[in-house]
């Protein structure tokens, strides 16, 4: 099957659709999984295994039953409950079906070059089993090519733009849950640093703030070092100090607050909910 030509439902390859299913499962945290014995992979703190999409397609048996995290440009919409991902750099790699079981709507990126990050369990796709377990109604005529092929049952799906793609056009990402990887730079405090932008000429680095909500449980600050490659999950907001003071327990002294306000006021900031070493292979 060729992901570039398959249009059995008449849907253009890159059409952006709103995905939503009926099963509510929390984002990333709490995922459980284990490495396949012979698979060259690493574990995230959540227990999800980071792999490349061509590995799932080529070594299906190694990953069946495993919770994996992949990053890819969306290739094709199948219907309101699913789409495909793949790695076009690898000749002959088959696209992989993703069933959205996150319970969250997701508007896929408008930019063709922006990836999504998908975390979920790898299975062999059997349409009747998926419909029964997740309460979905799927059109069998759209899934003929995917039967008994690898599928990722997605527990979380997040936009995964580069730092510079966010800072150069933040409006399309405000309020969205994002998964961003980059190199730590300019550490301001244990709770504020930037992700270096090296991909887009003239684009700015992205400010990351890790802070506990005032009405939530206090979280320990993650340890990051300058030059470390990290993956950050969180929500993008405009940096308005008064709103951040209202919503978060920042713990900043006056000097740091004034410094950040002067440099980043009304600019995009990623309010992190998770920070961990990046195991996603860089292109």
C-alpha atoms as a PDB file:
ATOM      1  CA  UNK A   1       0.000   0.000   0.000  1.00  0.00           C
ATOM      2  CA  UNK A   2       1.326   3.447  -0.849  1.00  0.00           C
ATOM      3  CA  UNK A   3       0.463   6.200   1.650  1.00  0.00           C
ATOM      4  CA  UNK A   4       0.824   8.835  -1.042  1.00  0.00           C
ATOM      5  CA  UNK A   5      -1.867   7.386  -3.306  1.00  0.00           C
ATOM      6  CA  UNK A   6      -4.355   5.674  -1.039  1.00  0.00           C
ATOM      7  CA  UNK A   7      -7.630   7.621  -1.143  1.00  0.00           C
ATOM      8  CA  UNK A   8     -10.256   4.953  -0.613  1.00  0.00           C
ATOM      9  CA  UNK A   9     -12.411   7.387   1.343  1.00  0.00           C
ATOM     10  CA  UNK A  10     -11.829  10.254  -1.053  1.00  0.00           C
ATOM     11  CA  UNK A  11      -9.884  12.155   1.593  1.00  0.00           C
ATOM     12  CA  UNK A  12      -6.796  14.144   0.495  1.00  0.00           C
ATOM     13  CA  UNK A  13      -3.544  12.946   2.034  1.00  0.00           C
ATOM     14  CA  UNK A  14      -2.960  16.005   4.201  1.00  0.00           C
ATOM     15  CA  UNK A  15      -6.512  17.058   4.989  1.00  0.00           C
ATOM     16  CA  UNK A  16      -6.792  18.334   8.548  1.00  0.00           C
ATOM     17  CA  UNK A  17      -9.627  16.817  10.515  1.00  0.00           C
ATOM     18  CA  UNK A  18     -10.896  16.950  14.055  1.00  0.00           C
ATOM     19  CA  UNK A  19     -10.426  13.616  15.801  1.00  0.00           C
ATOM     20  CA  UNK A  20     -12.440  12.564  18.833  1.00  0.00           C
ATOM     21  CA  UNK A  21     -13.366   9.195  20.291  1.00  0.00           C
ATOM     22  CA  UNK A  22     -15.579   8.181  23.151  1.00  0.00           C
ATOM     23  CA  UNK A  23     -12.951   6.746  25.493  1.00  0.00           C
ATOM     24  CA  UNK A  24     -11.364   9.113  28.006  1.00  0.00           C
ATOM     25  CA  UNK A  25      -7.797   8.192  28.886  1.00  0.00           C
ATOM     26  CA  UNK A  26      -5.335  10.583  30.568  1.00  0.00           C
ATOM     27  CA  UNK A  27      -2.343  12.132  28.794  1.00  0.00           C
ATOM     28  CA  UNK A  28       1.030  10.338  28.895  1.00  0.00           C
ATOM     29  CA  UNK A  29       1.320  10.074  32.708  1.00  0.00           C
ATOM     30  CA  UNK A  30       0.518   6.630  33.988  1.00  0.00           C
ATOM     31  CA  UNK A  31       1.312   4.726  30.829  1.00  0.00           C
ATOM     32  CA  UNK A  32       2.833   1.318  31.494  1.00  0.00           C
ATOM     33  CA  UNK A  33       5.006  -0.700  29.157  1.00  0.00           C
ATOM     34  CA  UNK A  34       8.205  -2.697  28.897  1.00  0.00           C
ATOM     35  CA  UNK A  35      10.956  -2.935  26.313  1.00  0.00           C
ATOM     36  CA  UNK A  36      10.908  -5.817  23.894  1.00  0.00           C
ATOM     37  CA  UNK A  37      13.878  -8.080  24.624  1.00  0.00           C
ATOM     38  CA  UNK A  38      15.781  -7.447  21.399  1.00  0.00           C
ATOM     39  CA  UNK A  39      14.486  -3.984  20.473  1.00  0.00           C
ATOM     40  CA  UNK A  40      17.016  -1.092  20.546  1.00  0.00           C
ATOM     41  CA  UNK A  41      14.849   1.362  22.460  1.00  0.00           C
ATOM     42  CA  UNK A  42      14.781   3.539  25.567  1.00  0.00           C
ATOM     43  CA  UNK A  43      12.131   4.226  28.185  1.00  0.00           C
ATOM     44  CA  UNK A  44      10.497   7.511  29.101  1.00  0.00           C
ATOM     45  CA  UNK A  45       9.667   8.088  32.780  1.00  0.00           C
ATOM     46  CA  UNK A  46       6.036   7.372  31.968  1.00  0.00           C
ATOM     47  CA  UNK A  47       6.905   3.855  30.875  1.00  0.00           C
ATOM     48  CA  UNK A  48       6.324   4.508  27.171  1.00  0.00           C
ATOM     49  CA  UNK A  49       8.946   3.187  24.761  1.00  0.00           C
ATOM     50  CA  UNK A  50      10.346   5.667  22.215  1.00  0.00           C
ATOM     51  CA  UNK A  51      10.636   4.070  18.774  1.00  0.00           C
ATOM     52  CA  UNK A  52      10.687   5.140  15.146  1.00  0.00           C
ATOM     53  CA  UNK A  53       7.637   4.427  13.045  1.00  0.00           C
ATOM     54  CA  UNK A  54       9.495   2.227  10.567  1.00  0.00           C
ATOM     55  CA  UNK A  55      10.578   0.021  13.488  1.00  0.00           C
ATOM     56  CA  UNK A  56       6.944  -0.636  14.409  1.00  0.00           C
ATOM     57  CA  UNK A  57       6.089  -1.483  10.800  1.00  0.00           C
ATOM     58  CA  UNK A  58       9.154  -3.687  10.292  1.00  0.00           C
ATOM     59  CA  UNK A  59       9.367  -5.394  13.680  1.00  0.00           C
ATOM     60  CA  UNK A  60       5.715  -5.710  14.617  1.00  0.00           C
ATOM     61  CA  UNK A  61       6.103  -8.807  16.753  1.00  0.00           C
ATOM     62  CA  UNK A  62       8.742  -7.062  18.895  1.00  0.00           C
ATOM     63  CA  UNK A  63       6.306  -4.317  19.851  1.00  0.00           C
ATOM     64  CA  UNK A  64       2.934  -6.047  20.148  1.00  0.00           C
ATOM     65  CA  UNK A  65       1.577  -5.234  23.598  1.00  0.00           C
ATOM     66  CA  UNK A  66       4.140  -2.483  24.184  1.00  0.00           C
ATOM     67  CA  UNK A  67       3.303   1.169  24.852  1.00  0.00           C
ATOM     68  CA  UNK A  68       5.347   3.231  22.408  1.00  0.00           C
ATOM     69  CA  UNK A  69       5.886   6.886  21.579  1.00  0.00           C
ATOM     70  CA  UNK A  70       6.444   7.903  17.947  1.00  0.00           C
ATOM     71  CA  UNK A  71       6.778  11.261  16.219  1.00  0.00           C
ATOM     72  CA  UNK A  72       5.731  11.698  12.614  1.00  0.00           C
ATOM     73  CA  UNK A  73       3.990  13.986  10.194  1.00  0.00           C
ATOM     74  CA  UNK A  74       0.360  12.878   9.789  1.00  0.00           C
ATOM     75  CA  UNK A  75       0.087  11.170   6.418  1.00  0.00           C
ATOM     76  CA  UNK A  76      -3.575  10.486   5.748  1.00  0.00           C
ATOM     77  CA  UNK A  77      -6.951  10.797   7.427  1.00  0.00           C
ATOM     78  CA  UNK A  78      -8.867   7.522   7.367  1.00  0.00           C
ATOM     79  CA  UNK A  79     -11.974   8.727   9.210  1.00  0.00           C
ATOM     80  CA  UNK A  80     -12.925  10.747  12.293  1.00  0.00           C
ATOM     81  CA  UNK A  81     -11.340   8.155  14.576  1.00  0.00           C
ATOM     82  CA  UNK A  82      -8.050   7.467  12.825  1.00  0.00           C
ATOM     83  CA  UNK A  83      -5.186   8.577  10.642  1.00  0.00           C
ATOM     84  CA  UNK A  84      -1.811   7.236   9.569  1.00  0.00           C
ATOM     85  CA  UNK A  85       1.757   8.137  10.457  1.00  0.00           C
ATOM     86  CA  UNK A  86       5.047   7.092   8.916  1.00  0.00           C
ATOM     87  CA  UNK A  87       8.637   8.008   8.210  1.00  0.00           C
ATOM     88  CA  UNK A  88       9.044   8.999   4.590  1.00  0.00           C
ATOM     89  CA  UNK A  89      12.849   9.045   4.905  1.00  0.00           C
ATOM     90  CA  UNK A  90      12.844   5.238   4.955  1.00  0.00           C
ATOM     91  CA  UNK A  91      12.104   3.747   1.555  1.00  0.00           C
ATOM     92  CA  UNK A  92       9.403   1.138   1.634  1.00  0.00           C
ATOM     93  CA  UNK A  93       8.269   1.853   5.201  1.00  0.00           C
ATOM     94  CA  UNK A  94       4.546   1.174   5.428  1.00  0.00           C
ATOM     95  CA  UNK A  95       2.308   3.798   7.056  1.00  0.00           C
ATOM     96  CA  UNK A  96       1.002   2.863  10.481  1.00  0.00           C
ATOM     97  CA  UNK A  97      -2.630   3.258  11.493  1.00  0.00           C
ATOM     98  CA  UNK A  98      -3.371   5.308  14.612  1.00  0.00           C
ATOM     99  CA  UNK A  99      -6.724   4.883  16.366  1.00  0.00           C
ATOM    100  CA  UNK A 100      -7.552   7.894  18.544  1.00  0.00           C
ATOM    101  CA  UNK A 101      -8.606   6.514  21.928  1.00  0.00           C
ATOM    102  CA  UNK A 102      -7.509   9.610  23.861  1.00  0.00           C
ATOM    103  CA  UNK A 103     -10.950  11.075  24.452  1.00  0.00           C
ATOM    104  CA  UNK A 104      -9.506  14.423  23.387  1.00  0.00           C
ATOM    105  CA  UNK A 105     -10.192  16.276  20.137  1.00  0.00           C
ATOM    106  CA  UNK A 106      -7.104  17.081  18.093  1.00  0.00           C
ATOM    107  CA  UNK A 107      -6.799  19.482  15.185  1.00  0.00           C
ATOM    108  CA  UNK A 108      -3.855  18.239  13.171  1.00  0.00           C
ATOM    109  CA  UNK A 109      -1.239  20.848  12.233  1.00  0.00           C
ATOM    110  CA  UNK A 110      -1.953  23.192   9.374  1.00  0.00           C
ATOM    111  CA  UNK A 111       1.719  23.186   8.406  1.00  0.00           C
ATOM    112  CA  UNK A 112       2.698  20.101   6.401  1.00  0.00           C
ATOM    113  CA  UNK A 113       6.091  19.933   8.116  1.00  0.00           C
ATOM    114  CA  UNK A 114       4.796  19.846  11.708  1.00  0.00           C
ATOM    115  CA  UNK A 115       4.805  16.454  13.401  1.00  0.00           C
ATOM    116  CA  UNK A 116       2.548  14.895  15.991  1.00  0.00           C
ATOM    117  CA  UNK A 117       3.648  12.791  18.940  1.00  0.00           C
ATOM    118  CA  UNK A 118       1.580   9.660  19.503  1.00  0.00           C
ATOM    119  CA  UNK A 119       1.739   7.455  22.600  1.00  0.00           C
ATOM    120  CA  UNK A 120      -0.180   4.210  22.731  1.00  0.00           C
ATOM    121  CA  UNK A 121      -0.176   0.417  22.647  1.00  0.00           C
ATOM    122  CA  UNK A 122       0.869  -1.471  19.519  1.00  0.00           C
ATOM    123  CA  UNK A 123      -1.497  -4.235  18.412  1.00  0.00           C
ATOM    124  CA  UNK A 124      -2.438  -6.191  15.336  1.00  0.00           C
ATOM    125  CA  UNK A 125      -5.511  -4.418  13.989  1.00  0.00           C
ATOM    126  CA  UNK A 126      -8.745  -6.398  14.142  1.00  0.00           C
ATOM    127  CA  UNK A 127     -11.629  -4.039  13.474  1.00  0.00           C
ATOM    128  CA  UNK A 128     -14.221  -5.994  15.482  1.00  0.00           C
ATOM    129  CA  UNK A 129     -11.986  -6.088  18.562  1.00  0.00           C
ATOM    130  CA  UNK A 130     -11.217  -2.366  18.405  1.00  0.00           C
ATOM    131  CA  UNK A 131     -14.879  -1.445  17.967  1.00  0.00           C
ATOM    132  CA  UNK A 132     -15.945  -3.565  20.919  1.00  0.00           C
ATOM    133  CA  UNK A 133     -13.179  -2.513  23.315  1.00  0.00           C
ATOM    134  CA  UNK A 134     -13.255   1.211  22.622  1.00  0.00           C
ATOM    135  CA  UNK A 135     -16.886   1.753  21.706  1.00  0.00           C
ATOM    136  CA  UNK A 136     -16.119   2.892  18.171  1.00  0.00           C
ATOM    137  CA  UNK A 137     -18.088   2.417  14.981  1.00  0.00           C
ATOM    138  CA  UNK A 138     -15.694   2.002  12.060  1.00  0.00           C
ATOM    139  CA  UNK A 139     -16.536   1.612   8.376  1.00  0.00           C
ATOM    140  CA  UNK A 140     -14.976  -1.731   7.374  1.00  0.00           C
ATOM    141  CA  UNK A 141     -14.561  -0.608   3.764  1.00  0.00           C
ATOM    142  CA  UNK A 142     -12.049   2.024   4.901  1.00  0.00           C
ATOM    143  CA  UNK A 143      -9.977  -0.427   6.929  1.00  0.00           C
ATOM    144  CA  UNK A 144      -9.551  -3.350   4.527  1.00  0.00           C
ATOM    145  CA  UNK A 145      -5.881  -2.547   3.925  1.00  0.00           C
ATOM    146  CA  UNK A 146      -5.158  -2.283   7.669  1.00  0.00           C
ATOM    147  CA  UNK A 147      -6.688  -5.550   8.909  1.00  0.00           C
ATOM    148  CA  UNK A 148      -4.074  -7.667  10.745  1.00  0.00           C
ATOM    149  CA  UNK A 149      -1.532  -4.856  10.284  1.00  0.00           C
ATOM    150  CA  UNK A 150       0.152  -2.939  13.144  1.00  0.00           C
ATOM    151  CA  UNK A 151      -1.965  -0.259  14.786  1.00  0.00           C
ATOM    152  CA  UNK A 152      -1.208   2.168  17.592  1.00  0.00           C
ATOM    153  CA  UNK A 153      -4.135   2.581  19.994  1.00  0.00           C
ATOM    154  CA  UNK A 154      -3.354   6.177  20.956  1.00  0.00           C
ATOM    155  CA  UNK A 155      -3.753   7.211  24.574  1.00  0.00           C
ATOM    156  CA  UNK A 156      -2.315  10.638  23.838  1.00  0.00           C
ATOM    157  CA  UNK A 157      -1.806  12.657  20.672  1.00  0.00           C
ATOM    158  CA  UNK A 158      -0.028  16.005  20.785  1.00  0.00           C
ATOM    159  CA  UNK A 159       1.244  18.469  18.235  1.00  0.00           C
ATOM    160  CA  UNK A 160       5.049  18.275  18.097  1.00  0.00           C
ATOM    161  CA  UNK A 161       6.405  21.410  16.396  1.00  0.00           C
ATOM    162  CA  UNK A 162      10.001  22.637  16.568  1.00  0.00           C
ATOM    163  CA  UNK A 163      10.712  25.501  19.019  1.00  0.00           C
ATOM    164  CA  UNK A 164      11.146  27.960  16.145  1.00  0.00           C
ATOM    165  CA  UNK A 165       7.898  26.905  14.508  1.00  0.00           C
ATOM    166  CA  UNK A 166       6.166  27.874  17.741  1.00  0.00           C
ATOM    167  CA  UNK A 167       7.908  31.211  18.288  1.00  0.00           C
ATOM    168  CA  UNK A 168       7.518  32.292  14.664  1.00  0.00           C
ATOM    169  CA  UNK A 169       3.771  31.594  14.593  1.00  0.00           C
ATOM    170  CA  UNK A 170       2.491  31.125  18.157  1.00  0.00           C
ATOM    171  CA  UNK A 171      -1.140  31.996  17.456  1.00  0.00           C
ATOM    172  CA  UNK A 172      -1.900  28.590  15.949  1.00  0.00           C
ATOM    173  CA  UNK A 173      -0.550  26.849  19.068  1.00  0.00           C
ATOM    174  CA  UNK A 174      -1.933  28.926  21.958  1.00  0.00           C
ATOM    175  CA  UNK A 175      -3.957  26.765  24.316  1.00  0.00           C
ATOM    176  CA  UNK A 176      -2.764  23.546  22.673  1.00  0.00           C
ATOM    177  CA  UNK A 177      -1.033  20.660  24.402  1.00  0.00           C
ATOM    178  CA  UNK A 178       2.371  20.314  22.750  1.00  0.00           C
ATOM    179  CA  UNK A 179       5.289  17.888  22.841  1.00  0.00           C
ATOM    180  CA  UNK A 180       8.492  19.772  22.038  1.00  0.00           C
ATOM    181  CA  UNK A 181      12.080  18.548  21.905  1.00  0.00           C
ATOM    182  CA  UNK A 182      15.171  20.719  21.933  1.00  0.00           C
ATOM    183  CA  UNK A 183      18.450  21.630  23.566  1.00  0.00           C
ATOM    184  CA  UNK A 184      18.364  23.341  26.952  1.00  0.00           C
ATOM    185  CA  UNK A 185      19.853  26.823  26.852  1.00  0.00           C
ATOM    186  CA  UNK A 186      19.872  29.964  28.977  1.00  0.00           C
ATOM    187  CA  UNK A 187      18.779  28.437  32.291  1.00  0.00           C
ATOM    188  CA  UNK A 188      17.199  31.285  34.276  1.00  0.00           C
ATOM    189  CA  UNK A 189      16.304  29.224  37.338  1.00  0.00           C
ATOM    190  CA  UNK A 190      15.296  25.695  38.180  1.00  0.00           C
ATOM    191  CA  UNK A 191      11.881  26.464  36.734  1.00  0.00           C
ATOM    192  CA  UNK A 192      12.688  28.578  33.671  1.00  0.00           C
ATOM    193  CA  UNK A 193      14.932  27.964  30.667  1.00  0.00           C
ATOM    194  CA  UNK A 194      14.819  28.143  26.876  1.00  0.00           C
ATOM    195  CA  UNK A 195      14.818  25.497  24.169  1.00  0.00           C
ATOM    196  CA  UNK A 196      17.374  26.365  21.509  1.00  0.00           C
ATOM    197  CA  UNK A 197      16.134  26.866  17.961  1.00  0.00           C
ATOM    198  CA  UNK A 198      18.565  25.735  15.266  1.00  0.00           C
ATOM    199  CA  UNK A 199      16.214  24.641  12.479  1.00  0.00           C
ATOM    200  CA  UNK A 200      14.630  27.888  11.294  1.00  0.00           C
ATOM    201  CA  UNK A 201      16.805  30.846  10.331  1.00  0.00           C
ATOM    202  CA  UNK A 202      15.855  33.960  12.287  1.00  0.00           C
ATOM    203  CA  UNK A 203      13.474  32.125  14.620  1.00  0.00           C
ATOM    204  CA  UNK A 204      13.690  32.705  18.371  1.00  0.00           C
ATOM    205  CA  UNK A 205      14.278  30.268  21.207  1.00  0.00           C
ATOM    206  CA  UNK A 206      11.247  29.094  23.193  1.00  0.00           C
ATOM    207  CA  UNK A 207      10.847  29.949  26.874  1.00  0.00           C
ATOM    208  CA  UNK A 208       9.833  27.017  29.086  1.00  0.00           C
ATOM    209  CA  UNK A 209       8.375  27.533  32.566  1.00  0.00           C
ATOM    210  CA  UNK A 210       7.843  24.602  34.924  1.00  0.00           C
ATOM    211  CA  UNK A 211       5.550  25.657  37.755  1.00  0.00           C
ATOM    212  CA  UNK A 212       2.890  24.080  39.932  1.00  0.00           C
ATOM    213  CA  UNK A 213      -0.689  25.402  39.667  1.00  0.00           C
ATOM    214  CA  UNK A 214      -1.738  27.280  42.803  1.00  0.00           C
ATOM    215  CA  UNK A 215      -4.725  24.985  43.217  1.00  0.00           C
ATOM    216  CA  UNK A 216      -2.748  21.799  42.530  1.00  0.00           C
ATOM    217  CA  UNK A 217      -0.149  19.556  44.124  1.00  0.00           C
ATOM    218  CA  UNK A 218       3.365  20.970  44.407  1.00  0.00           C
ATOM    219  CA  UNK A 219       5.734  19.226  42.018  1.00  0.00           C
ATOM    220  CA  UNK A 220       9.519  18.955  42.474  1.00  0.00           C
ATOM    221  CA  UNK A 221      11.561  20.880  39.929  1.00  0.00           C
ATOM    222  CA  UNK A 222      13.201  18.690  37.283  1.00  0.00           C
ATOM    223  CA  UNK A 223      16.984  18.837  37.027  1.00  0.00           C
ATOM    224  CA  UNK A 224      18.120  20.136  33.629  1.00  0.00           C
ATOM    225  CA  UNK A 225      21.610  21.004  32.430  1.00  0.00           C
ATOM    226  CA  UNK A 226      22.801  23.396  29.755  1.00  0.00           C
ATOM    227  CA  UNK A 227      23.125  21.652  26.396  1.00  0.00           C
ATOM    228  CA  UNK A 228      20.964  18.679  27.396  1.00  0.00           C
ATOM    229  CA  UNK A 229      18.440  17.399  24.854  1.00  0.00           C
ATOM    230  CA  UNK A 230      15.044  17.208  26.527  1.00  0.00           C
ATOM    231  CA  UNK A 231      11.437  16.510  25.650  1.00  0.00           C
ATOM    232  CA  UNK A 232       8.879  18.872  27.160  1.00  0.00           C
ATOM    233  CA  UNK A 233       5.123  18.382  27.282  1.00  0.00           C
ATOM    234  CA  UNK A 234       2.888  21.290  28.205  1.00  0.00           C
ATOM    235  CA  UNK A 235       0.459  23.988  27.114  1.00  0.00           C
ATOM    236  CA  UNK A 236       1.447  27.126  25.203  1.00  0.00           C
ATOM    237  CA  UNK A 237       0.434  30.490  26.669  1.00  0.00           C
ATOM    238  CA  UNK A 238       1.319  34.124  26.126  1.00  0.00           C
ATOM    239  CA  UNK A 239       3.641  35.330  28.885  1.00  0.00           C
ATOM    240  CA  UNK A 240       1.666  37.787  31.006  1.00  0.00           C
ATOM    241  CA  UNK A 241       3.278  38.003  34.451  1.00  0.00           C
ATOM    242  CA  UNK A 242       0.101  38.971  36.312  1.00  0.00           C
ATOM    243  CA  UNK A 243      -1.730  35.927  34.913  1.00  0.00           C
ATOM    244  CA  UNK A 244       1.161  33.596  35.710  1.00  0.00           C
ATOM    245  CA  UNK A 245       1.344  34.908  39.289  1.00  0.00           C
ATOM    246  CA  UNK A 246      -2.397  34.298  39.612  1.00  0.00           C
ATOM    247  CA  UNK A 247      -2.313  30.764  38.220  1.00  0.00           C
ATOM    248  CA  UNK A 248       1.045  29.339  39.328  1.00  0.00           C
ATOM    249  CA  UNK A 249       3.315  29.134  42.334  1.00  0.00           C
ATOM    250  CA  UNK A 250       6.388  30.516  40.561  1.00  0.00           C
ATOM    251  CA  UNK A 251       8.782  31.039  43.450  1.00  0.00           C
ATOM    252  CA  UNK A 252      10.691  33.722  41.515  1.00  0.00           C
ATOM    253  CA  UNK A 253      12.499  36.586  43.178  1.00  0.00           C
ATOM    254  CA  UNK A 254      11.767  40.128  42.009  1.00  0.00           C
ATOM    255  CA  UNK A 255      14.935  40.373  39.924  1.00  0.00           C
ATOM    256  CA  UNK A 256      14.167  37.239  37.906  1.00  0.00           C
ATOM    257  CA  UNK A 257      10.527  38.214  37.460  1.00  0.00           C
ATOM    258  CA  UNK A 258      11.451  41.649  36.122  1.00  0.00           C
ATOM    259  CA  UNK A 259      14.106  40.151  33.847  1.00  0.00           C
ATOM    260  CA  UNK A 260      11.720  37.629  32.299  1.00  0.00           C
ATOM    261  CA  UNK A 261       8.951  40.198  31.980  1.00  0.00           C
ATOM    262  CA  UNK A 262      11.250  42.618  30.161  1.00  0.00           C
ATOM    263  CA  UNK A 263      12.459  39.973  27.713  1.00  0.00           C
ATOM    264  CA  UNK A 264       9.407  37.755  27.199  1.00  0.00           C
ATOM    265  CA  UNK A 265       6.289  39.828  27.942  1.00  0.00           C
ATOM    266  CA  UNK A 266       3.417  38.736  25.648  1.00  0.00           C
ATOM    267  CA  UNK A 267       5.681  36.255  23.885  1.00  0.00           C
ATOM    268  CA  UNK A 268       4.911  32.520  23.778  1.00  0.00           C
ATOM    269  CA  UNK A 269       5.904  30.376  26.739  1.00  0.00           C
ATOM    270  CA  UNK A 270       5.476  26.630  27.127  1.00  0.00           C
ATOM    271  CA  UNK A 271       4.054  25.873  30.575  1.00  0.00           C
ATOM    272  CA  UNK A 272       5.563  22.450  31.161  1.00  0.00           C
ATOM    273  CA  UNK A 273       3.740  19.546  32.739  1.00  0.00           C
ATOM    274  CA  UNK A 274       6.577  17.111  32.092  1.00  0.00           C
ATOM    275  CA  UNK A 275      10.294  17.344  31.299  1.00  0.00           C
ATOM    276  CA  UNK A 276      12.477  14.332  30.613  1.00  0.00           C
ATOM    277  CA  UNK A 277      15.598  13.395  28.594  1.00  0.00           C
ATOM    278  CA  UNK A 278      14.745  13.166  24.923  1.00  0.00           C
ATOM    279  CA  UNK A 279      15.041   9.709  23.416  1.00  0.00           C
ATOM    280  CA  UNK A 280      13.315  10.635  20.169  1.00  0.00           C
ATOM    281  CA  UNK A 281      15.897  10.336  17.369  1.00  0.00           C
ATOM    282  CA  UNK A 282      16.727  13.654  15.729  1.00  0.00           C
ATOM    283  CA  UNK A 283      16.486  13.935  11.930  1.00  0.00           C
END
